[in-house]
N, C-alpha and C. Protein backbone atom coordinates (compact mmCIF):
# COMPACT_ATOMS: atom_id res chain seq x y z
N UNK A 1 18.41 -2.92 -2.58
CA UNK A 1 17.98 -3.97 -1.67
C UNK A 1 17.62 -5.21 -2.49
N UNK A 2 17.94 -6.35 -1.95
CA UNK A 2 17.56 -7.58 -2.64
C UNK A 2 16.82 -8.47 -1.66
N UNK A 3 16.12 -9.42 -2.21
CA UNK A 3 15.39 -10.36 -1.38
C UNK A 3 15.39 -11.70 -2.09
N UNK A 4 15.19 -12.74 -1.35
CA UNK A 4 15.19 -14.07 -1.91
C UNK A 4 13.75 -14.49 -2.18
N UNK A 5 13.48 -14.85 -3.43
CA UNK A 5 12.11 -15.19 -3.84
C UNK A 5 11.55 -16.36 -3.06
N UNK A 6 12.36 -17.37 -2.78
CA UNK A 6 11.85 -18.53 -2.04
C UNK A 6 11.50 -18.16 -0.60
N UNK A 7 12.29 -17.28 0.01
CA UNK A 7 11.98 -16.82 1.37
C UNK A 7 10.68 -16.02 1.37
N UNK A 8 10.49 -15.20 0.35
CA UNK A 8 9.26 -14.42 0.24
C UNK A 8 8.06 -15.34 0.09
N UNK A 9 8.15 -16.29 -0.82
CA UNK A 9 7.03 -17.21 -1.03
C UNK A 9 6.70 -17.98 0.25
N UNK A 10 7.72 -18.43 0.94
CA UNK A 10 7.51 -19.17 2.18
C UNK A 10 6.83 -18.33 3.25
N UNK A 11 7.28 -17.10 3.38
CA UNK A 11 6.69 -16.20 4.38
C UNK A 11 5.24 -15.92 4.07
N UNK A 12 4.95 -15.64 2.81
CA UNK A 12 3.58 -15.30 2.44
C UNK A 12 2.64 -16.48 2.56
N UNK A 13 3.12 -17.67 2.24
CA UNK A 13 2.24 -18.83 2.27
C UNK A 13 2.00 -19.37 3.68
N UNK A 14 2.94 -19.13 4.58
CA UNK A 14 2.78 -19.70 5.93
C UNK A 14 2.42 -18.70 7.01
N UNK A 15 2.68 -17.41 6.78
CA UNK A 15 2.51 -16.43 7.85
C UNK A 15 1.36 -15.44 7.65
N UNK A 16 0.53 -15.67 6.64
CA UNK A 16 -0.69 -14.89 6.48
C UNK A 16 -1.85 -15.84 6.71
N UNK A 17 -2.69 -15.50 7.68
CA UNK A 17 -3.79 -16.42 7.98
C UNK A 17 -5.14 -15.80 7.61
N UNK A 18 -6.05 -16.67 7.23
CA UNK A 18 -7.42 -16.27 6.89
C UNK A 18 -8.28 -16.26 8.15
N UNK A 19 -9.06 -15.20 8.30
CA UNK A 19 -10.01 -15.09 9.40
C UNK A 19 -11.39 -14.91 8.76
N UNK A 20 -12.20 -16.00 8.75
CA UNK A 20 -13.51 -15.90 8.10
C UNK A 20 -14.47 -14.97 8.85
N UNK A 21 -15.35 -14.35 8.07
CA UNK A 21 -16.43 -13.52 8.60
C UNK A 21 -15.95 -12.34 9.43
N UNK A 22 -14.83 -11.74 9.02
CA UNK A 22 -14.34 -10.54 9.69
C UNK A 22 -13.97 -9.52 8.62
N UNK A 23 -14.41 -8.31 8.69
CA UNK A 23 -15.12 -7.65 9.78
C UNK A 23 -16.63 -7.86 9.75
N UNK A 24 -17.10 -8.58 8.74
CA UNK A 24 -18.53 -8.90 8.69
C UNK A 24 -18.72 -10.22 7.97
N UNK A 25 -19.88 -10.84 8.10
CA UNK A 25 -20.12 -12.15 7.48
C UNK A 25 -19.85 -12.12 5.98
N UNK A 26 -19.19 -13.18 5.52
CA UNK A 26 -18.88 -13.32 4.10
C UNK A 26 -17.52 -12.79 3.69
N UNK A 27 -16.88 -11.99 4.54
CA UNK A 27 -15.55 -11.45 4.23
C UNK A 27 -14.51 -12.35 4.88
N UNK A 28 -13.46 -12.67 4.13
CA UNK A 28 -12.33 -13.42 4.68
C UNK A 28 -11.17 -12.45 4.84
N UNK A 29 -10.88 -12.10 6.09
CA UNK A 29 -9.84 -11.13 6.42
C UNK A 29 -8.47 -11.80 6.33
N UNK A 30 -7.52 -11.12 5.70
CA UNK A 30 -6.14 -11.61 5.61
C UNK A 30 -5.35 -11.00 6.76
N UNK A 31 -5.07 -11.82 7.78
CA UNK A 31 -4.35 -11.36 8.97
C UNK A 31 -2.85 -11.49 8.75
N UNK A 32 -2.17 -10.34 8.72
CA UNK A 32 -0.72 -10.34 8.50
C UNK A 32 0.06 -10.24 9.80
N UNK A 33 -0.62 -10.30 10.93
CA UNK A 33 0.07 -10.19 12.23
C UNK A 33 1.19 -11.21 12.40
N UNK A 34 0.98 -12.50 12.05
CA UNK A 34 2.08 -13.46 12.19
C UNK A 34 3.29 -13.09 11.33
N UNK A 35 3.06 -12.56 10.14
CA UNK A 35 4.15 -12.16 9.26
C UNK A 35 4.92 -10.99 9.87
N UNK A 36 4.20 -10.02 10.42
CA UNK A 36 4.85 -8.85 11.03
C UNK A 36 5.64 -9.23 12.27
N UNK A 37 5.22 -10.28 12.98
CA UNK A 37 5.89 -10.71 14.20
C UNK A 37 7.17 -11.48 13.93
N UNK A 38 7.37 -11.90 12.70
CA UNK A 38 8.56 -12.66 12.30
C UNK A 38 9.55 -11.70 11.64
N UNK A 39 10.64 -11.37 12.34
CA UNK A 39 11.59 -10.37 11.87
C UNK A 39 12.09 -10.66 10.46
N UNK A 40 12.52 -11.87 10.20
CA UNK A 40 13.08 -12.20 8.88
C UNK A 40 12.02 -12.10 7.78
N UNK A 41 10.81 -12.57 8.06
CA UNK A 41 9.74 -12.49 7.08
C UNK A 41 9.37 -11.04 6.80
N UNK A 42 9.27 -10.25 7.85
CA UNK A 42 8.94 -8.83 7.70
C UNK A 42 10.00 -8.12 6.87
N UNK A 43 11.26 -8.38 7.16
CA UNK A 43 12.37 -7.79 6.40
C UNK A 43 12.28 -8.19 4.94
N UNK A 44 11.98 -9.45 4.67
CA UNK A 44 11.87 -9.95 3.29
C UNK A 44 10.75 -9.23 2.55
N UNK A 45 9.61 -9.04 3.21
CA UNK A 45 8.48 -8.33 2.59
C UNK A 45 8.84 -6.88 2.32
N UNK A 46 9.46 -6.20 3.27
CA UNK A 46 9.86 -4.80 3.07
C UNK A 46 10.83 -4.70 1.90
N UNK A 47 11.81 -5.59 1.85
CA UNK A 47 12.76 -5.58 0.73
C UNK A 47 12.05 -5.77 -0.61
N UNK A 48 11.09 -6.69 -0.65
CA UNK A 48 10.36 -6.95 -1.89
C UNK A 48 9.51 -5.75 -2.31
N UNK A 49 8.86 -5.09 -1.36
CA UNK A 49 8.05 -3.91 -1.68
C UNK A 49 8.92 -2.74 -2.12
N UNK A 50 10.12 -2.65 -1.58
CA UNK A 50 11.04 -1.57 -1.92
C UNK A 50 11.40 -1.57 -3.40
N UNK A 51 11.46 -2.73 -4.00
CA UNK A 51 11.81 -2.85 -5.42
C UNK A 51 10.88 -2.00 -6.30
N UNK A 52 9.63 -1.85 -5.89
CA UNK A 52 8.66 -1.06 -6.68
C UNK A 52 9.01 0.42 -6.74
N UNK A 53 9.85 0.88 -5.85
CA UNK A 53 10.27 2.28 -5.84
C UNK A 53 11.69 2.48 -6.37
N UNK A 54 12.18 1.49 -7.12
CA UNK A 54 13.54 1.56 -7.66
C UNK A 54 13.52 1.40 -9.17
N UNK A 55 14.56 1.92 -9.82
CA UNK A 55 14.71 1.70 -11.25
C UNK A 55 15.42 0.36 -11.49
N UNK A 56 15.73 0.06 -12.74
CA UNK A 56 16.34 -1.23 -13.10
C UNK A 56 17.71 -1.45 -12.45
N UNK A 57 18.39 -0.36 -12.09
CA UNK A 57 19.71 -0.45 -11.45
C UNK A 57 19.60 -0.51 -9.93
N UNK A 58 18.39 -0.50 -9.40
CA UNK A 58 18.20 -0.56 -7.96
C UNK A 58 18.29 0.78 -7.25
N UNK A 59 18.21 1.87 -8.02
CA UNK A 59 18.29 3.22 -7.46
C UNK A 59 16.87 3.72 -7.20
N UNK A 60 16.66 4.32 -6.04
CA UNK A 60 15.34 4.85 -5.71
C UNK A 60 14.90 5.87 -6.75
N UNK A 61 13.65 5.75 -7.19
CA UNK A 61 13.12 6.69 -8.18
C UNK A 61 11.80 7.32 -7.71
N UNK A 62 11.63 7.41 -6.39
CA UNK A 62 10.46 8.08 -5.82
C UNK A 62 10.92 9.07 -4.75
N UNK A 63 10.10 10.09 -4.55
CA UNK A 63 10.40 11.10 -3.54
C UNK A 63 9.67 10.84 -2.24
N UNK A 64 8.48 10.24 -2.35
CA UNK A 64 7.64 9.97 -1.18
C UNK A 64 7.02 8.58 -1.31
N UNK A 65 6.76 7.98 -0.16
CA UNK A 65 6.04 6.71 -0.09
C UNK A 65 4.80 6.96 0.75
N UNK A 66 3.65 6.63 0.18
CA UNK A 66 2.37 6.77 0.86
C UNK A 66 2.00 5.45 1.51
N UNK A 67 1.55 5.54 2.75
CA UNK A 67 0.97 4.39 3.44
C UNK A 67 -0.48 4.70 3.74
N UNK A 68 -1.35 3.74 3.46
CA UNK A 68 -2.78 3.93 3.68
C UNK A 68 -3.17 3.29 5.00
N UNK A 69 -3.90 4.04 5.82
CA UNK A 69 -4.31 3.58 7.15
C UNK A 69 -5.05 2.25 7.05
N UNK A 70 -4.77 1.34 7.93
CA UNK A 70 -3.78 1.42 8.98
C UNK A 70 -2.60 0.49 8.68
N UNK A 71 -2.87 -0.69 8.15
CA UNK A 71 -1.78 -1.63 7.94
C UNK A 71 -0.80 -1.17 6.87
N UNK A 72 -1.25 -0.31 5.98
CA UNK A 72 -0.34 0.26 4.99
C UNK A 72 0.76 1.09 5.63
N UNK A 73 0.48 1.71 6.80
CA UNK A 73 1.51 2.46 7.53
C UNK A 73 2.67 1.54 7.91
N UNK A 74 2.31 0.36 8.40
CA UNK A 74 3.31 -0.58 8.91
C UNK A 74 4.27 -0.99 7.80
N UNK A 75 3.75 -1.15 6.60
CA UNK A 75 4.58 -1.58 5.48
C UNK A 75 5.29 -0.41 4.80
N UNK A 76 4.61 0.71 4.66
CA UNK A 76 5.15 1.82 3.88
C UNK A 76 6.28 2.57 4.59
N UNK A 77 6.19 2.72 5.90
CA UNK A 77 7.22 3.48 6.61
C UNK A 77 8.62 2.85 6.45
N UNK A 78 8.80 1.54 6.67
CA UNK A 78 10.14 0.99 6.45
C UNK A 78 10.55 0.99 4.97
N UNK A 79 9.59 0.91 4.05
CA UNK A 79 9.92 1.01 2.64
C UNK A 79 10.46 2.41 2.35
N UNK A 80 9.83 3.45 2.90
CA UNK A 80 10.31 4.82 2.71
C UNK A 80 11.74 4.97 3.23
N UNK A 81 11.99 4.44 4.41
CA UNK A 81 13.35 4.52 4.97
C UNK A 81 14.36 3.82 4.07
N UNK A 82 14.00 2.64 3.58
CA UNK A 82 14.91 1.88 2.72
C UNK A 82 15.20 2.63 1.41
N UNK A 83 14.22 3.38 0.92
CA UNK A 83 14.39 4.11 -0.33
C UNK A 83 15.01 5.49 -0.14
N UNK A 84 15.14 5.94 1.11
CA UNK A 84 15.62 7.29 1.35
C UNK A 84 14.59 8.33 0.95
N UNK A 85 13.32 7.96 1.06
CA UNK A 85 12.21 8.84 0.67
C UNK A 85 11.42 9.25 1.90
N UNK A 86 10.61 10.29 1.75
CA UNK A 86 9.71 10.68 2.83
C UNK A 86 8.51 9.75 2.91
N UNK A 87 7.90 9.68 4.08
CA UNK A 87 6.70 8.88 4.30
C UNK A 87 5.51 9.81 4.49
N UNK A 88 4.41 9.53 3.80
CA UNK A 88 3.19 10.33 3.91
C UNK A 88 2.03 9.40 4.28
N UNK A 89 1.41 9.64 5.44
CA UNK A 89 0.24 8.84 5.80
C UNK A 89 -1.03 9.37 5.14
N UNK A 90 -1.80 8.47 4.58
CA UNK A 90 -3.15 8.80 4.14
C UNK A 90 -4.07 8.15 5.15
N UNK A 91 -4.90 8.98 5.80
CA UNK A 91 -5.64 8.54 6.97
C UNK A 91 -7.14 8.55 6.74
N UNK A 92 -7.81 7.86 7.64
CA UNK A 92 -9.27 7.89 7.65
C UNK A 92 -9.73 9.29 8.03
N UNK A 93 -10.94 9.63 7.64
CA UNK A 93 -11.49 10.96 7.86
C UNK A 93 -11.43 11.39 9.32
N UNK A 94 -11.01 12.64 9.53
CA UNK A 94 -11.01 13.22 10.87
C UNK A 94 -9.79 12.93 11.71
N UNK A 95 -8.78 12.27 11.17
CA UNK A 95 -7.60 11.90 11.94
C UNK A 95 -6.41 12.84 11.77
N UNK A 96 -6.45 13.71 10.76
CA UNK A 96 -5.34 14.61 10.50
C UNK A 96 -5.69 16.04 10.91
N UNK A 97 -4.77 16.74 11.59
CA UNK A 97 -5.01 18.15 11.90
C UNK A 97 -4.70 19.00 10.66
N UNK A 98 -5.18 20.20 10.63
CA UNK A 98 -4.84 21.11 9.55
C UNK A 98 -5.67 20.88 8.30
N UNK A 99 -5.25 21.55 7.23
CA UNK A 99 -5.98 21.50 5.96
C UNK A 99 -5.72 20.18 5.24
N UNK A 100 -6.80 19.54 4.80
CA UNK A 100 -6.67 18.25 4.12
C UNK A 100 -7.51 18.23 2.84
N UNK A 101 -7.15 17.30 1.96
CA UNK A 101 -8.01 16.92 0.84
C UNK A 101 -8.71 15.65 1.26
N UNK A 102 -9.94 15.44 0.77
CA UNK A 102 -10.75 14.28 1.14
C UNK A 102 -11.21 13.54 -0.10
N UNK A 103 -11.30 12.21 0.00
CA UNK A 103 -11.84 11.37 -1.06
C UNK A 103 -12.71 10.30 -0.43
N UNK A 104 -13.95 10.20 -0.88
CA UNK A 104 -14.85 9.14 -0.44
C UNK A 104 -14.91 8.09 -1.55
N UNK A 105 -14.94 6.83 -1.16
CA UNK A 105 -14.88 5.74 -2.13
C UNK A 105 -15.64 4.53 -1.59
N UNK A 106 -15.88 3.57 -2.47
CA UNK A 106 -16.58 2.34 -2.09
C UNK A 106 -15.59 1.24 -1.78
N UNK A 107 -15.91 0.47 -0.75
CA UNK A 107 -15.17 -0.73 -0.38
C UNK A 107 -15.98 -1.94 -0.82
N UNK A 108 -15.40 -3.13 -0.72
CA UNK A 108 -16.17 -4.33 -1.06
C UNK A 108 -17.29 -4.57 -0.07
N UNK A 109 -17.26 -3.90 1.10
CA UNK A 109 -18.31 -4.09 2.10
C UNK A 109 -18.75 -2.76 2.73
N UNK A 110 -18.72 -1.66 1.97
CA UNK A 110 -19.18 -0.39 2.51
C UNK A 110 -18.59 0.81 1.80
N UNK A 111 -18.49 1.91 2.53
CA UNK A 111 -17.96 3.16 2.01
C UNK A 111 -17.03 3.78 3.05
N UNK A 112 -16.02 4.53 2.58
CA UNK A 112 -15.08 5.16 3.51
C UNK A 112 -14.57 6.47 2.91
N UNK A 113 -13.94 7.28 3.75
CA UNK A 113 -13.34 8.53 3.31
C UNK A 113 -11.89 8.57 3.80
N UNK A 114 -11.00 8.97 2.92
CA UNK A 114 -9.59 9.13 3.24
C UNK A 114 -9.21 10.60 3.13
N UNK A 115 -8.16 10.99 3.87
CA UNK A 115 -7.66 12.36 3.82
C UNK A 115 -6.14 12.36 3.79
N UNK A 116 -5.60 13.45 3.25
CA UNK A 116 -4.16 13.70 3.27
C UNK A 116 -3.97 15.20 3.49
N UNK A 117 -2.87 15.56 4.17
CA UNK A 117 -2.57 16.98 4.34
C UNK A 117 -2.35 17.62 2.97
N UNK A 118 -2.86 18.82 2.81
CA UNK A 118 -2.73 19.52 1.53
C UNK A 118 -1.27 19.82 1.18
N UNK A 119 -0.41 19.92 2.18
CA UNK A 119 1.00 20.23 1.93
C UNK A 119 1.91 19.00 2.05
N UNK A 120 1.35 17.80 1.89
CA UNK A 120 2.12 16.57 2.08
C UNK A 120 3.15 16.33 0.98
N UNK A 121 2.94 16.92 -0.19
CA UNK A 121 3.82 16.70 -1.34
C UNK A 121 4.20 18.03 -1.95
N UNK A 122 5.36 18.03 -2.61
CA UNK A 122 5.74 19.15 -3.46
C UNK A 122 5.21 18.85 -4.86
N UNK A 123 4.87 19.88 -5.63
CA UNK A 123 4.42 19.63 -7.01
C UNK A 123 5.46 18.80 -7.76
N UNK A 124 4.98 17.76 -8.42
CA UNK A 124 5.87 16.90 -9.20
C UNK A 124 6.51 15.77 -8.43
N UNK A 125 6.33 15.70 -7.11
CA UNK A 125 6.88 14.57 -6.36
C UNK A 125 6.43 13.26 -7.00
N UNK A 126 7.37 12.33 -7.07
CA UNK A 126 7.07 10.98 -7.56
C UNK A 126 6.74 10.13 -6.34
N UNK A 127 5.62 9.41 -6.41
CA UNK A 127 5.07 8.75 -5.23
C UNK A 127 4.86 7.26 -5.47
N UNK A 128 5.27 6.47 -4.49
CA UNK A 128 4.96 5.05 -4.43
C UNK A 128 3.86 4.87 -3.39
N UNK A 129 2.74 4.28 -3.79
CA UNK A 129 1.66 3.96 -2.86
C UNK A 129 1.85 2.52 -2.40
N UNK A 130 1.86 2.31 -1.08
CA UNK A 130 2.02 0.98 -0.50
C UNK A 130 0.81 0.68 0.38
N UNK A 131 0.24 -0.51 0.20
CA UNK A 131 -0.86 -0.94 1.06
C UNK A 131 -0.76 -2.44 1.29
N UNK A 132 -1.53 -2.93 2.25
CA UNK A 132 -1.47 -4.35 2.56
C UNK A 132 -2.25 -5.19 1.57
N UNK A 133 -3.48 -4.77 1.23
CA UNK A 133 -4.35 -5.58 0.38
C UNK A 133 -4.96 -4.72 -0.72
N UNK A 134 -4.94 -5.25 -1.94
CA UNK A 134 -5.70 -4.67 -3.04
C UNK A 134 -6.93 -5.54 -3.23
N UNK A 135 -8.09 -4.95 -3.00
CA UNK A 135 -9.35 -5.69 -3.18
C UNK A 135 -10.02 -5.17 -4.46
N UNK A 136 -10.98 -4.25 -4.32
CA UNK A 136 -11.69 -3.71 -5.48
C UNK A 136 -10.93 -2.58 -6.16
N UNK A 137 -9.91 -2.06 -5.50
CA UNK A 137 -9.14 -0.95 -6.03
C UNK A 137 -9.62 0.40 -5.55
N UNK A 138 -10.72 0.44 -4.81
CA UNK A 138 -11.28 1.70 -4.35
C UNK A 138 -10.35 2.49 -3.47
N UNK A 139 -9.69 1.84 -2.53
CA UNK A 139 -8.80 2.53 -1.60
C UNK A 139 -7.59 3.10 -2.33
N UNK A 140 -6.97 2.30 -3.17
CA UNK A 140 -5.78 2.77 -3.90
C UNK A 140 -6.16 3.89 -4.87
N UNK A 141 -7.28 3.76 -5.54
CA UNK A 141 -7.71 4.83 -6.45
C UNK A 141 -7.99 6.12 -5.70
N UNK A 142 -8.61 6.02 -4.52
CA UNK A 142 -8.86 7.22 -3.71
C UNK A 142 -7.53 7.85 -3.28
N UNK A 143 -6.58 7.03 -2.86
CA UNK A 143 -5.26 7.54 -2.48
C UNK A 143 -4.58 8.21 -3.66
N UNK A 144 -4.69 7.61 -4.84
CA UNK A 144 -4.09 8.18 -6.04
C UNK A 144 -4.69 9.54 -6.36
N UNK A 145 -6.00 9.68 -6.22
CA UNK A 145 -6.64 10.97 -6.46
C UNK A 145 -6.16 12.01 -5.45
N UNK A 146 -5.97 11.60 -4.20
CA UNK A 146 -5.45 12.53 -3.20
C UNK A 146 -4.04 13.01 -3.55
N UNK A 147 -3.20 12.08 -3.98
CA UNK A 147 -1.84 12.44 -4.40
C UNK A 147 -1.91 13.46 -5.53
N UNK A 148 -2.78 13.22 -6.50
CA UNK A 148 -2.94 14.12 -7.63
C UNK A 148 -3.45 15.50 -7.23
N UNK A 149 -4.36 15.56 -6.26
CA UNK A 149 -4.87 16.85 -5.78
C UNK A 149 -3.74 17.70 -5.20
N UNK A 150 -2.73 17.05 -4.68
CA UNK A 150 -1.58 17.76 -4.09
C UNK A 150 -0.54 18.16 -5.14
N UNK A 151 -0.75 17.76 -6.39
CA UNK A 151 0.19 18.10 -7.45
C UNK A 151 1.31 17.11 -7.64
N UNK A 152 1.24 15.97 -6.96
CA UNK A 152 2.26 14.93 -7.10
C UNK A 152 1.78 13.88 -8.11
N UNK A 153 2.66 12.94 -8.44
CA UNK A 153 2.39 11.93 -9.45
C UNK A 153 2.64 10.54 -8.87
N UNK A 154 1.69 9.64 -9.05
CA UNK A 154 1.88 8.26 -8.60
C UNK A 154 2.78 7.55 -9.62
N UNK A 155 3.94 7.09 -9.15
CA UNK A 155 4.87 6.35 -10.01
C UNK A 155 4.54 4.87 -10.05
N UNK A 156 4.11 4.33 -8.90
CA UNK A 156 3.83 2.90 -8.82
C UNK A 156 2.98 2.62 -7.59
N UNK A 157 2.40 1.44 -7.60
CA UNK A 157 1.62 0.94 -6.46
C UNK A 157 2.18 -0.43 -6.12
N UNK A 158 2.39 -0.68 -4.83
CA UNK A 158 2.87 -1.98 -4.37
C UNK A 158 1.98 -2.45 -3.22
N UNK A 159 1.53 -3.69 -3.32
CA UNK A 159 0.69 -4.27 -2.27
C UNK A 159 1.24 -5.62 -1.86
N UNK A 160 0.97 -5.97 -0.63
CA UNK A 160 1.37 -7.28 -0.12
C UNK A 160 0.52 -8.38 -0.75
N UNK A 161 -0.81 -8.19 -0.72
CA UNK A 161 -1.75 -9.21 -1.18
C UNK A 161 -2.73 -8.59 -2.17
N UNK A 162 -2.92 -9.25 -3.29
CA UNK A 162 -3.96 -8.87 -4.25
C UNK A 162 -5.05 -9.92 -4.20
N UNK A 163 -6.28 -9.48 -3.98
CA UNK A 163 -7.43 -10.39 -4.04
C UNK A 163 -7.91 -10.41 -5.49
N UNK A 164 -7.34 -11.31 -6.27
CA UNK A 164 -7.56 -11.34 -7.71
C UNK A 164 -9.02 -11.49 -8.11
N UNK A 165 -9.80 -12.19 -7.33
CA UNK A 165 -11.20 -12.44 -7.66
C UNK A 165 -12.05 -11.18 -7.58
N UNK A 166 -11.53 -10.10 -6.99
CA UNK A 166 -12.27 -8.84 -6.92
C UNK A 166 -11.89 -7.86 -8.03
N UNK A 167 -10.92 -8.23 -8.86
CA UNK A 167 -10.55 -7.48 -10.07
C UNK A 167 -10.13 -6.03 -9.83
N UNK A 168 -9.54 -5.76 -8.68
CA UNK A 168 -9.06 -4.41 -8.39
C UNK A 168 -7.99 -3.93 -9.34
N UNK A 169 -7.17 -4.84 -9.82
CA UNK A 169 -6.09 -4.49 -10.76
C UNK A 169 -6.65 -3.79 -11.99
N UNK A 170 -7.80 -4.24 -12.45
CA UNK A 170 -8.41 -3.67 -13.65
C UNK A 170 -8.79 -2.21 -13.46
N UNK A 171 -9.06 -1.78 -12.24
CA UNK A 171 -9.42 -0.38 -11.98
C UNK A 171 -8.19 0.51 -11.89
N UNK A 172 -7.00 -0.08 -11.87
CA UNK A 172 -5.75 0.68 -11.74
C UNK A 172 -4.98 0.72 -13.06
N UNK A 173 -5.69 0.74 -14.15
CA UNK A 173 -5.06 0.64 -15.47
C UNK A 173 -3.98 1.70 -15.70
N UNK A 174 -4.10 2.86 -15.05
CA UNK A 174 -3.13 3.94 -15.26
C UNK A 174 -1.87 3.81 -14.39
N UNK A 175 -1.81 2.80 -13.53
CA UNK A 175 -0.71 2.68 -12.59
C UNK A 175 0.02 1.36 -12.74
N UNK A 176 1.32 1.40 -12.54
CA UNK A 176 2.11 0.18 -12.43
C UNK A 176 1.79 -0.44 -11.07
N UNK A 177 1.43 -1.72 -11.06
CA UNK A 177 1.06 -2.40 -9.83
C UNK A 177 1.91 -3.63 -9.63
N UNK A 178 2.52 -3.73 -8.44
CA UNK A 178 3.25 -4.93 -8.04
C UNK A 178 2.55 -5.51 -6.82
N UNK A 179 2.16 -6.78 -6.92
CA UNK A 179 1.57 -7.49 -5.78
C UNK A 179 2.51 -8.64 -5.43
N UNK A 180 2.83 -8.77 -4.14
CA UNK A 180 3.75 -9.83 -3.74
C UNK A 180 3.11 -11.20 -3.82
N UNK A 181 1.79 -11.26 -3.64
CA UNK A 181 1.06 -12.51 -3.81
C UNK A 181 -0.36 -12.20 -4.23
N UNK A 182 -0.96 -13.10 -5.01
CA UNK A 182 -2.35 -12.96 -5.46
C UNK A 182 -3.13 -14.18 -5.04
N UNK A 183 -4.27 -13.93 -4.42
CA UNK A 183 -5.17 -15.04 -4.00
C UNK A 183 -6.52 -14.85 -4.65
């Protein structure tokens, strides 16, 4: 899959809006709804995220793509389809039936717990983690630990937006990270 860098830059700069004081005072929420509503922009973003799951020749090199609830699902599912890989949802606590692994972690404005089915991966599966925003790195690190508990290996992490001022990238030193834009 290929994408045009200028189209990507245009989509990201014009179709992501800031919502101040959401979900609580002092937080600036990055609303990607306008980007998702624009077919061409959405396609461009999916194509760009797909590159993180490919080798230098453009061949898929992952077995599964993880999407983190909730906006990560929207981005990761079409990336998995484009790569010919399976999609695995990592969900908030209490949302998955059956046996799960759990990870509690800190957010920039609180604490949360994520879960994944214990049988979501085969041992040795290569995994691409996709999410909408990288902030402090807590969510991606929790997802990575869940992947590891299942016996799979995180090959790369791809995010739509990196909040550079929160230094989340520094907490992901063991992972290859691609961010489509950094603010």
